[in-house]
Amino acid sequence: MAHHEDTQTPCPGCSSQLDACFGNGHSQKPEPGDLTICAYCAEPFVFNHDLTVRCVTLELRAKLDADCLARFDTAQRIVRAKRDPNAALRRAILDSLE
């Protein structure tokens, strides 16, 4: 996984300072139009031409293929579970009720 240091960009979702990003299996820095999620709040974003981020619009989300949406959802669940100490317990309770 490649690490790319960035300027201090505030997250549009939670205002955390985004100062780096990690590529998935490549050594390139992000390019305009690439997708990402915030490691703090798990909101999905797209990179602008200056590599700041903006929220993913409903129109853009509708254009994403099923595989991309599934990877987004999985990444969001992972980030949220790591930020929520009770997530595993809640999941176990919900799973037992199904």
PDB file of N, CA and C in Angstrom:
ATOM      1  N   MET A   1       0.836  -1.165   0.000  1.00  0.00           N
ATOM      2  CA  MET A   1       0.000   0.000   0.000  1.00  0.00           C
ATOM      3  C   MET A   1       0.888   1.237   0.000  1.00  0.00           C
ATOM      4  N   ALA A   2       0.616   2.163  -0.855  1.00  0.00           N
ATOM      5  CA  ALA A   2       1.426   3.372  -0.976  1.00  0.00           C
ATOM      6  C   ALA A   2       0.859   4.474  -0.100  1.00  0.00           C
ATOM      7  N   HIS A   3       1.752   5.247   0.503  1.00  0.00           N
ATOM      8  CA  HIS A   3       1.375   6.365   1.366  1.00  0.00           C
ATOM      9  C   HIS A   3       1.695   7.661   0.641  1.00  0.00           C
ATOM     10  N   HIS A   4       0.747   8.575   0.609  1.00  0.00           N
ATOM     11  CA  HIS A   4       0.945   9.872  -0.040  1.00  0.00           C
ATOM     12  C   HIS A   4       0.634  10.960   0.980  1.00  0.00           C
ATOM     13  N   GLU A   5       1.659  11.762   1.331  1.00  0.00           N
ATOM     14  CA  GLU A   5       1.420  12.862   2.255  1.00  0.00           C
ATOM     15  C   GLU A   5       0.742  13.994   1.508  1.00  0.00           C
ATOM     16  N   ASP A   6      -0.155  14.648   2.193  1.00  0.00           N
ATOM     17  CA  ASP A   6      -0.966  15.695   1.589  1.00  0.00           C
ATOM     18  C   ASP A   6      -0.921  16.919   2.474  1.00  0.00           C
ATOM     19  N   THR A   7      -1.379  18.036   1.948  1.00  0.00           N
ATOM     20  CA  THR A   7      -1.537  19.219   2.774  1.00  0.00           C
ATOM     21  C   THR A   7      -2.695  18.979   3.730  1.00  0.00           C
ATOM     22  N   GLN A   8      -2.775  19.752   4.758  1.00  0.00           N
ATOM     23  CA  GLN A   8      -3.846  19.612   5.744  1.00  0.00           C
ATOM     24  C   GLN A   8      -5.169  20.027   5.118  1.00  0.00           C
ATOM     25  N   THR A   9      -5.945  19.052   4.710  1.00  0.00           N
ATOM     26  CA  THR A   9      -7.257  19.288   4.107  1.00  0.00           C
ATOM     27  C   THR A   9      -8.322  18.904   5.116  1.00  0.00           C
ATOM     28  N   PRO A  10      -9.264  19.798   5.437  1.00  0.00           N
ATOM     29  CA  PRO A  10     -10.317  19.398   6.370  1.00  0.00           C
ATOM     30  C   PRO A  10     -11.316  18.456   5.698  1.00  0.00           C
ATOM     31  N   CYS A  11     -11.732  17.439   6.431  1.00  0.00           N
ATOM     32  CA  CYS A  11     -12.737  16.515   5.926  1.00  0.00           C
ATOM     33  C   CYS A  11     -14.071  17.245   5.838  1.00  0.00           C
ATOM     34  N   PRO A  12     -14.756  17.189   4.691  1.00  0.00           N
ATOM     35  CA  PRO A  12     -16.064  17.829   4.575  1.00  0.00           C
ATOM     36  C   PRO A  12     -17.128  17.180   5.466  1.00  0.00           C
ATOM     37  N   GLY A  13     -16.891  15.960   5.918  1.00  0.00           N
ATOM     38  CA  GLY A  13     -17.867  15.256   6.740  1.00  0.00           C
ATOM     39  C   GLY A  13     -17.728  15.527   8.228  1.00  0.00           C
ATOM     40  N   CYS A  14     -16.484  15.501   8.736  1.00  0.00           N
ATOM     41  CA  CYS A  14     -16.286  15.607  10.181  1.00  0.00           C
ATOM     42  C   CYS A  14     -15.286  16.680  10.590  1.00  0.00           C
ATOM     43  N   SER A  15     -14.677  17.350   9.623  1.00  0.00           N
ATOM     44  CA  SER A  15     -13.701  18.429   9.841  1.00  0.00           C
ATOM     45  C   SER A  15     -12.354  17.952  10.381  1.00  0.00           C
ATOM     46  N   SER A  16     -12.123  16.655  10.449  1.00  0.00           N
ATOM     47  CA  SER A  16     -10.795  16.164  10.835  1.00  0.00           C
ATOM     48  C   SER A  16      -9.794  16.586   9.770  1.00  0.00           C
ATOM     49  N   GLN A  17      -8.551  16.798  10.182  1.00  0.00           N
ATOM     50  CA  GLN A  17      -7.527  17.193   9.231  1.00  0.00           C
ATOM     51  C   GLN A  17      -7.005  15.968   8.496  1.00  0.00           C
ATOM     52  N   LEU A  18      -7.200  15.941   7.183  1.00  0.00           N
ATOM     53  CA  LEU A  18      -6.723  14.846   6.347  1.00  0.00           C
ATOM     54  C   LEU A  18      -5.346  15.236   5.834  1.00  0.00           C
ATOM     55  N   ASP A  19      -4.325  14.526   6.276  1.00  0.00           N
ATOM     56  CA  ASP A  19      -2.967  14.899   5.906  1.00  0.00           C
ATOM     57  C   ASP A  19      -2.233  13.834   5.112  1.00  0.00           C
ATOM     58  N   ALA A  20      -2.915  12.732   4.804  1.00  0.00           N
ATOM     59  CA  ALA A  20      -2.279  11.652   4.038  1.00  0.00           C
ATOM     60  C   ALA A  20      -3.360  10.758   3.469  1.00  0.00           C
ATOM     61  N   CYS A  21      -2.971   9.977   2.493  1.00  0.00           N
ATOM     62  CA  CYS A  21      -3.883   8.966   1.957  1.00  0.00           C
ATOM     63  C   CYS A  21      -3.058   7.757   1.565  1.00  0.00           C
ATOM     64  N   PHE A  22      -3.717   6.640   1.464  1.00  0.00           N
ATOM     65  CA  PHE A  22      -3.056   5.388   1.135  1.00  0.00           C
ATOM     66  C   PHE A  22      -3.662   4.822  -0.130  1.00  0.00           C
ATOM     67  N   GLY A  23      -2.804   4.428  -1.057  1.00  0.00           N
ATOM     68  CA  GLY A  23      -3.265   3.800  -2.279  1.00  0.00           C
ATOM     69  C   GLY A  23      -3.519   2.329  -2.040  1.00  0.00           C
ATOM     70  N   ASN A  24      -4.266   1.746  -2.925  1.00  0.00           N
ATOM     71  CA  ASN A  24      -4.599   0.334  -2.800  1.00  0.00           C
ATOM     72  C   ASN A  24      -3.817  -0.461  -3.828  1.00  0.00           C
ATOM     73  N   GLY A  25      -2.646  -0.933  -3.439  1.00  0.00           N
ATOM     74  CA  GLY A  25      -1.871  -1.809  -4.299  1.00  0.00           C
ATOM     75  C   GLY A  25      -1.104  -1.103  -5.406  1.00  0.00           C
ATOM     76  N   HIS A  26      -0.926   0.192  -5.313  1.00  0.00           N
ATOM     77  CA  HIS A  26      -0.131   0.896  -6.318  1.00  0.00           C
ATOM     78  C   HIS A  26       0.681   1.989  -5.642  1.00  0.00           C
ATOM     79  N   SER A  27       1.648   2.543  -6.330  1.00  0.00           N
ATOM     80  CA  SER A  27       2.544   3.533  -5.730  1.00  0.00           C
ATOM     81  C   SER A  27       2.253   4.944  -6.221  1.00  0.00           C
ATOM     82  N   GLN A  28       1.139   5.140  -6.849  1.00  0.00           N
ATOM     83  CA  GLN A  28       0.805   6.453  -7.378  1.00  0.00           C
ATOM     84  C   GLN A  28       0.042   7.279  -6.360  1.00  0.00           C
ATOM     85  N   LYS A  29       0.230   8.599  -6.445  1.00  0.00           N
ATOM     86  CA  LYS A  29      -0.598   9.454  -5.598  1.00  0.00           C
ATOM     87  C   LYS A  29      -1.981   9.550  -6.245  1.00  0.00           C
ATOM     88  N   PRO A  30      -2.983   9.972  -5.488  1.00  0.00           N
ATOM     89  CA  PRO A  30      -4.324  10.045  -6.064  1.00  0.00           C
ATOM     90  C   PRO A  30      -4.391  11.055  -7.203  1.00  0.00           C
ATOM     91  N   GLU A  31      -5.342  10.835  -8.082  1.00  0.00           N
ATOM     92  CA  GLU A  31      -5.563  11.737  -9.212  1.00  0.00           C
ATOM     93  C   GLU A  31      -6.968  12.313  -9.109  1.00  0.00           C
ATOM     94  N   PRO A  32      -7.185  13.475  -9.728  1.00  0.00           N
ATOM     95  CA  PRO A  32      -8.541  14.030  -9.718  1.00  0.00           C
ATOM     96  C   PRO A  32      -9.557  12.998 -10.219  1.00  0.00           C
ATOM     97  N   GLY A  33     -10.668  12.880  -9.497  1.00  0.00           N
ATOM     98  CA  GLY A  33     -11.695  11.917  -9.859  1.00  0.00           C
ATOM     99  C   GLY A  33     -11.599  10.604  -9.109  1.00  0.00           C
ATOM    100  N   ASP A  34     -10.435  10.318  -8.467  1.00  0.00           N
ATOM    101  CA  ASP A  34     -10.305   9.101  -7.667  1.00  0.00           C
ATOM    102  C   ASP A  34     -11.228   9.192  -6.456  1.00  0.00           C
ATOM    103  N   LEU A  35     -11.652   8.042  -5.968  1.00  0.00           N
ATOM    104  CA  LEU A  35     -12.550   7.970  -4.820  1.00  0.00           C
ATOM    105  C   LEU A  35     -11.786   7.568  -3.572  1.00  0.00           C
ATOM    106  N   THR A  36     -12.285   7.989  -2.413  1.00  0.00           N
ATOM    107  CA  THR A  36     -11.681   7.644  -1.134  1.00  0.00           C
ATOM    108  C   THR A  36     -12.735   7.737  -0.045  1.00  0.00           C
ATOM    109  N   ILE A  37     -12.371   7.329   1.172  1.00  0.00           N
ATOM    110  CA  ILE A  37     -13.233   7.568   2.324  1.00  0.00           C
ATOM    111  C   ILE A  37     -12.380   8.184   3.424  1.00  0.00           C
ATOM    112  N   CYS A  38     -13.018   8.904   4.329  1.00  0.00           N
ATOM    113  CA  CYS A  38     -12.333   9.491   5.475  1.00  0.00           C
ATOM    114  C   CYS A  38     -12.037   8.382   6.487  1.00  0.00           C
ATOM    115  N   ALA A  39     -10.819   8.352   6.993  1.00  0.00           N
ATOM    116  CA  ALA A  39     -10.435   7.338   7.981  1.00  0.00           C
ATOM    117  C   ALA A  39     -11.023   7.636   9.355  1.00  0.00           C
ATOM    118  N   TYR A  40     -11.634   8.799   9.519  1.00  0.00           N
ATOM    119  CA  TYR A  40     -12.220   9.166  10.807  1.00  0.00           C
ATOM    120  C   TYR A  40     -13.736   8.957  10.829  1.00  0.00           C
ATOM    121  N   CYS A  41     -14.434   9.445   9.802  1.00  0.00           N
ATOM    122  CA  CYS A  41     -15.903   9.360   9.809  1.00  0.00           C
ATOM    123  C   CYS A  41     -16.457   8.404   8.747  1.00  0.00           C
ATOM    124  N   ALA A  42     -15.618   7.911   7.855  1.00  0.00           N
ATOM    125  CA  ALA A  42     -15.971   6.923   6.824  1.00  0.00           C
ATOM    126  C   ALA A  42     -16.851   7.483   5.708  1.00  0.00           C
ATOM    127  N   GLU A  43     -16.955   8.794   5.596  1.00  0.00           N
ATOM    128  CA  GLU A  43     -17.737   9.367   4.500  1.00  0.00           C
ATOM    129  C   GLU A  43     -16.979   9.225   3.188  1.00  0.00           C
ATOM    130  N   PRO A  44     -17.683   8.956   2.084  1.00  0.00           N
ATOM    131  CA  PRO A  44     -17.021   8.820   0.785  1.00  0.00           C
ATOM    132  C   PRO A  44     -16.777  10.184   0.135  1.00  0.00           C
ATOM    133  N   PHE A  45     -15.639  10.306  -0.521  1.00  0.00           N
ATOM    134  CA  PHE A  45     -15.250  11.545  -1.191  1.00  0.00           C
ATOM    135  C   PHE A  45     -14.624  11.262  -2.538  1.00  0.00           C
ATOM    136  N   VAL A  46     -14.543  12.302  -3.338  1.00  0.00           N
ATOM    137  CA  VAL A  46     -13.851  12.248  -4.622  1.00  0.00           C
ATOM    138  C   VAL A  46     -12.795  13.354  -4.595  1.00  0.00           C
ATOM    139  N   PHE A  47     -11.622  13.078  -5.187  1.00  0.00           N
ATOM    140  CA  PHE A  47     -10.547  14.067  -5.227  1.00  0.00           C
ATOM    141  C   PHE A  47     -10.820  15.119  -6.294  1.00  0.00           C
ATOM    142  N   ASN A  48     -10.602  16.393  -5.927  1.00  0.00           N
ATOM    143  CA  ASN A  48     -10.692  17.520  -6.851  1.00  0.00           C
ATOM    144  C   ASN A  48      -9.389  17.657  -7.632  1.00  0.00           C
ATOM    145  N   HIS A  49      -9.334  18.606  -8.553  1.00  0.00           N
ATOM    146  CA  HIS A  49      -8.124  18.819  -9.370  1.00  0.00           C
ATOM    147  C   HIS A  49      -6.917  19.190  -8.522  1.00  0.00           C
ATOM    148  N   ASP A  50      -7.128  19.832  -7.355  1.00  0.00           N
ATOM    149  CA  ASP A  50      -6.016  20.207  -6.473  1.00  0.00           C
ATOM    150  C   ASP A  50      -5.784  19.186  -5.353  1.00  0.00           C
ATOM    151  N   LEU A  51      -6.415  18.027  -5.475  1.00  0.00           N
ATOM    152  CA  LEU A  51      -6.325  16.903  -4.543  1.00  0.00           C
ATOM    153  C   LEU A  51      -6.948  17.181  -3.180  1.00  0.00           C
ATOM    154  N   THR A  52      -7.758  18.237  -3.071  1.00  0.00           N
ATOM    155  CA  THR A  52      -8.648  18.344  -1.926  1.00  0.00           C
ATOM    156  C   THR A  52      -9.801  17.389  -2.219  1.00  0.00           C
ATOM    157  N   VAL A  53     -10.685  17.198  -1.274  1.00  0.00           N
ATOM    158  CA  VAL A  53     -11.785  16.259  -1.488  1.00  0.00           C
ATOM    159  C   VAL A  53     -13.132  16.955  -1.373  1.00  0.00           C
ATOM    160  N   ARG A  54     -14.117  16.382  -2.068  1.00  0.00           N
ATOM    161  CA  ARG A  54     -15.503  16.848  -1.965  1.00  0.00           C
ATOM    162  C   ARG A  54     -16.398  15.627  -1.795  1.00  0.00           C
ATOM    163  N   CYS A  55     -17.586  15.860  -1.281  1.00  0.00           N
ATOM    164  CA  CYS A  55     -18.530  14.767  -1.049  1.00  0.00           C
ATOM    165  C   CYS A  55     -18.924  14.102  -2.365  1.00  0.00           C
ATOM    166  N   VAL A  56     -19.167  12.812  -2.300  1.00  0.00           N
ATOM    167  CA  VAL A  56     -19.668  12.065  -3.453  1.00  0.00           C
ATOM    168  C   VAL A  56     -21.158  12.404  -3.599  1.00  0.00           C
ATOM    169  N   THR A  57     -21.538  12.878  -4.760  1.00  0.00           N
ATOM    170  CA  THR A  57     -22.933  13.238  -5.002  1.00  0.00           C
ATOM    171  C   THR A  57     -23.764  11.988  -5.284  1.00  0.00           C
ATOM    172  N   LEU A  58     -25.063  12.132  -5.156  1.00  0.00           N
ATOM    173  CA  LEU A  58     -25.956  11.014  -5.480  1.00  0.00           C
ATOM    174  C   LEU A  58     -25.812  10.619  -6.943  1.00  0.00           C
ATOM    175  N   GLU A  59     -25.596  11.607  -7.819  1.00  0.00           N
ATOM    176  CA  GLU A  59     -25.427  11.320  -9.254  1.00  0.00           C
ATOM    177  C   GLU A  59     -24.184  10.470  -9.500  1.00  0.00           C
ATOM    178  N   LEU A  60     -23.072  10.829  -8.823  1.00  0.00           N
ATOM    179  CA  LEU A  60     -21.847  10.048  -8.991  1.00  0.00           C
ATOM    180  C   LEU A  60     -22.030   8.651  -8.405  1.00  0.00           C
ATOM    181  N   ARG A  61     -22.621   8.559  -7.238  1.00  0.00           N
ATOM    182  CA  ARG A  61     -22.839   7.251  -6.608  1.00  0.00           C
ATOM    183  C   ARG A  61     -23.670   6.345  -7.512  1.00  0.00           C
ATOM    184  N   ALA A  62     -24.658   6.920  -8.206  1.00  0.00           N
ATOM    185  CA  ALA A  62     -25.503   6.133  -9.103  1.00  0.00           C
ATOM    186  C   ALA A  62     -24.709   5.585 -10.291  1.00  0.00           C
ATOM    187  N   LYS A  63     -23.609   6.234 -10.651  1.00  0.00           N
ATOM    188  CA  LYS A  63     -22.793   5.795 -11.789  1.00  0.00           C
ATOM    189  C   LYS A  63     -21.776   4.715 -11.420  1.00  0.00           C
ATOM    190  N   LEU A  64     -21.559   4.488 -10.118  1.00  0.00           N
ATOM    191  CA  LEU A  64     -20.557   3.513  -9.698  1.00  0.00           C
ATOM    192  C   LEU A  64     -21.076   2.097  -9.897  1.00  0.00           C
ATOM    193  N   ASP A  65     -20.174   1.202 -10.294  1.00  0.00           N
ATOM    194  CA  ASP A  65     -20.604  -0.175 -10.495  1.00  0.00           C
ATOM    195  C   ASP A  65     -20.777  -0.888  -9.152  1.00  0.00           C
ATOM    196  N   ALA A  66     -21.431  -2.026  -9.181  1.00  0.00           N
ATOM    197  CA  ALA A  66     -21.772  -2.764  -7.965  1.00  0.00           C
ATOM    198  C   ALA A  66     -20.531  -3.158  -7.169  1.00  0.00           C
ATOM    199  N   ASP A  67     -19.448  -3.531  -7.848  1.00  0.00           N
ATOM    200  CA  ASP A  67     -18.217  -3.923  -7.159  1.00  0.00           C
ATOM    201  C   ASP A  67     -17.640  -2.741  -6.392  1.00  0.00           C
ATOM    202  N   CYS A  68     -17.622  -1.573  -7.007  1.00  0.00           N
ATOM    203  CA  CYS A  68     -17.093  -0.376  -6.354  1.00  0.00           C
ATOM    204  C   CYS A  68     -17.947  -0.017  -5.142  1.00  0.00           C
ATOM    205  N   LEU A  69     -19.254  -0.069  -5.275  1.00  0.00           N
ATOM    206  CA  LEU A  69     -20.154   0.225  -4.160  1.00  0.00           C
ATOM    207  C   LEU A  69     -19.958  -0.760  -3.014  1.00  0.00           C
ATOM    208  N   ALA A  70     -19.760  -2.022  -3.345  1.00  0.00           N
ATOM    209  CA  ALA A  70     -19.538  -3.037  -2.314  1.00  0.00           C
ATOM    210  C   ALA A  70     -18.235  -2.771  -1.568  1.00  0.00           C
ATOM    211  N   ARG A  71     -17.186  -2.382  -2.298  1.00  0.00           N
ATOM    212  CA  ARG A  71     -15.911  -2.072  -1.641  1.00  0.00           C
ATOM    213  C   ARG A  71     -16.043  -0.839  -0.751  1.00  0.00           C
ATOM    214  N   PHE A  72     -16.781   0.177  -1.212  1.00  0.00           N
ATOM    215  CA  PHE A  72     -17.050   1.362  -0.393  1.00  0.00           C
ATOM    216  C   PHE A  72     -17.753   0.965   0.897  1.00  0.00           C
ATOM    217  N   ASP A  73     -18.812   0.173   0.778  1.00  0.00           N
ATOM    218  CA  ASP A  73     -19.585  -0.234   1.949  1.00  0.00           C
ATOM    219  C   ASP A  73     -18.725  -1.023   2.934  1.00  0.00           C
ATOM    220  N   THR A  74     -17.894  -1.926   2.426  1.00  0.00           N
ATOM    221  CA  THR A  74     -17.016  -2.705   3.285  1.00  0.00           C
ATOM    222  C   THR A  74     -16.014  -1.806   3.995  1.00  0.00           C
ATOM    223  N   ALA A  75     -15.396  -0.894   3.267  1.00  0.00           N
ATOM    224  CA  ALA A  75     -14.424   0.018   3.866  1.00  0.00           C
ATOM    225  C   ALA A  75     -15.082   0.890   4.932  1.00  0.00           C
ATOM    226  N   GLN A  76     -16.296   1.362   4.663  1.00  0.00           N
ATOM    227  CA  GLN A  76     -17.001   2.180   5.646  1.00  0.00           C
ATOM    228  C   GLN A  76     -17.288   1.378   6.911  1.00  0.00           C
ATOM    229  N   ARG A  77     -17.723   0.130   6.756  1.00  0.00           N
ATOM    230  CA  ARG A  77     -18.006  -0.708   7.936  1.00  0.00           C
ATOM    231  C   ARG A  77     -16.738  -0.926   8.761  1.00  0.00           C
ATOM    232  N   ILE A  78     -15.614  -1.145   8.099  1.00  0.00           N
ATOM    233  CA  ILE A  78     -14.349  -1.363   8.803  1.00  0.00           C
ATOM    234  C   ILE A  78     -13.953  -0.120   9.589  1.00  0.00           C
ATOM    235  N   VAL A  79     -13.999   1.037   8.949  1.00  0.00           N
ATOM    236  CA  VAL A  79     -13.628   2.278   9.634  1.00  0.00           C
ATOM    237  C   VAL A  79     -14.551   2.531  10.818  1.00  0.00           C
ATOM    238  N   ARG A  80     -15.846   2.380  10.607  1.00  0.00           N
ATOM    239  CA  ARG A  80     -16.803   2.640  11.693  1.00  0.00           C
ATOM    240  C   ARG A  80     -16.624   1.651  12.841  1.00  0.00           C
ATOM    241  N   ALA A  81     -16.347   0.392  12.531  1.00  0.00           N
ATOM    242  CA  ALA A  81     -16.137  -0.602  13.582  1.00  0.00           C
ATOM    243  C   ALA A  81     -14.886  -0.291  14.393  1.00  0.00           C
ATOM    244  N   LYS A  82     -13.842   0.180  13.745  1.00  0.00           N
ATOM    245  CA  LYS A  82     -12.616   0.516  14.458  1.00  0.00           C
ATOM    246  C   LYS A  82     -12.800   1.742  15.344  1.00  0.00           C
ATOM    247  N   ARG A  83     -13.707   2.636  14.964  1.00  0.00           N
ATOM    248  CA  ARG A  83     -13.965   3.845  15.748  1.00  0.00           C
ATOM    249  C   ARG A  83     -14.991   3.619  16.850  1.00  0.00           C
ATOM    250  N   ASP A  84     -15.754   2.547  16.781  1.00  0.00           N
ATOM    251  CA  ASP A  84     -16.829   2.279  17.727  1.00  0.00           C
ATOM    252  C   ASP A  84     -16.490   1.038  18.548  1.00  0.00           C
ATOM    253  N   PRO A  85     -16.140   1.207  19.824  1.00  0.00           N
ATOM    254  CA  PRO A  85     -15.732   0.048  20.625  1.00  0.00           C
ATOM    255  C   PRO A  85     -16.852  -0.954  20.864  1.00  0.00           C
ATOM    256  N   ASN A  86     -18.099  -0.559  20.681  1.00  0.00           N
ATOM    257  CA  ASN A  86     -19.217  -1.473  20.913  1.00  0.00           C
ATOM    258  C   ASN A  86     -19.776  -2.071  19.627  1.00  0.00           C
ATOM    259  N   ALA A  87     -19.173  -1.776  18.486  1.00  0.00           N
ATOM    260  CA  ALA A  87     -19.707  -2.240  17.203  1.00  0.00           C
ATOM    261  C   ALA A  87     -19.764  -3.767  17.131  1.00  0.00           C
ATOM    262  N   ALA A  88     -18.727  -4.443  17.585  1.00  0.00           N
ATOM    263  CA  ALA A  88     -18.706  -5.910  17.504  1.00  0.00           C
ATOM    264  C   ALA A  88     -19.809  -6.513  18.371  1.00  0.00           C
ATOM    265  N   LEU A  89     -20.017  -5.959  19.542  1.00  0.00           N
ATOM    266  CA  LEU A  89     -21.073  -6.462  20.416  1.00  0.00           C
ATOM    267  C   LEU A  89     -22.444  -6.241  19.796  1.00  0.00           C
ATOM    268  N   ARG A  90     -22.689  -5.056  19.255  1.00  0.00           N
ATOM    269  CA  ARG A  90     -23.978  -4.774  18.603  1.00  0.00           C
ATOM    270  C   ARG A  90     -24.204  -5.704  17.420  1.00  0.00           C
ATOM    271  N   ARG A  91     -23.159  -5.937  16.627  1.00  0.00           N
ATOM    272  CA  ARG A  91     -23.280  -6.822  15.466  1.00  0.00           C
ATOM    273  C   ARG A  91     -23.640  -8.234  15.914  1.00  0.00           C
ATOM    274  N   ALA A  92     -23.007  -8.720  16.971  1.00  0.00           N
ATOM    275  CA  ALA A  92     -23.293 -10.059  17.474  1.00  0.00           C
ATOM    276  C   ALA A  92     -24.739 -10.158  17.955  1.00  0.00           C
ATOM    277  N   ILE A  93     -25.222  -9.124  18.620  1.00  0.00           N
ATOM    278  CA  ILE A  93     -26.614  -9.126  19.090  1.00  0.00           C
ATOM    279  C   ILE A  93     -27.568  -9.119  17.896  1.00  0.00           C
ATOM    280  N   LEU A  94     -27.311  -8.258  16.919  1.00  0.00           N
ATOM    281  CA  LEU A  94     -28.173  -8.189  15.738  1.00  0.00           C
ATOM    282  C   LEU A  94     -28.149  -9.507  14.961  1.00  0.00           C
ATOM    283  N   ASP A  95     -26.971 -10.105  14.831  1.00  0.00           N
ATOM    284  CA  ASP A  95     -26.865 -11.384  14.119  1.00  0.00           C
ATOM    285  C   ASP A  95     -27.656 -12.476  14.834  1.00  0.00           C
ATOM    286  N   SER A  96     -27.663 -12.460  16.162  1.00  0.00           N
ATOM    287  CA  SER A  96     -28.385 -13.487  16.912  1.00  0.00           C
ATOM    288  C   SER A  96     -29.901 -13.331  16.788  1.00  0.00           C
ATOM    289  N   LEU A  97     -30.354 -12.127  16.453  1.00  0.00           N
ATOM    290  CA  LEU A  97     -31.780 -11.880  16.307  1.00  0.00           C
ATOM    291  C   LEU A  97     -32.301 -12.252  14.928  1.00  0.00           C
ATOM    292  N   GLU A  98     -31.424 -12.403  13.974  1.00  0.00           N
ATOM    293  CA  GLU A  98     -31.848 -12.717  12.595  1.00  0.00           C
ATOM    294  C   GLU A  98     -32.242 -14.163  12.441  1.00  0.00           C
TER     295      GLU A  98
END
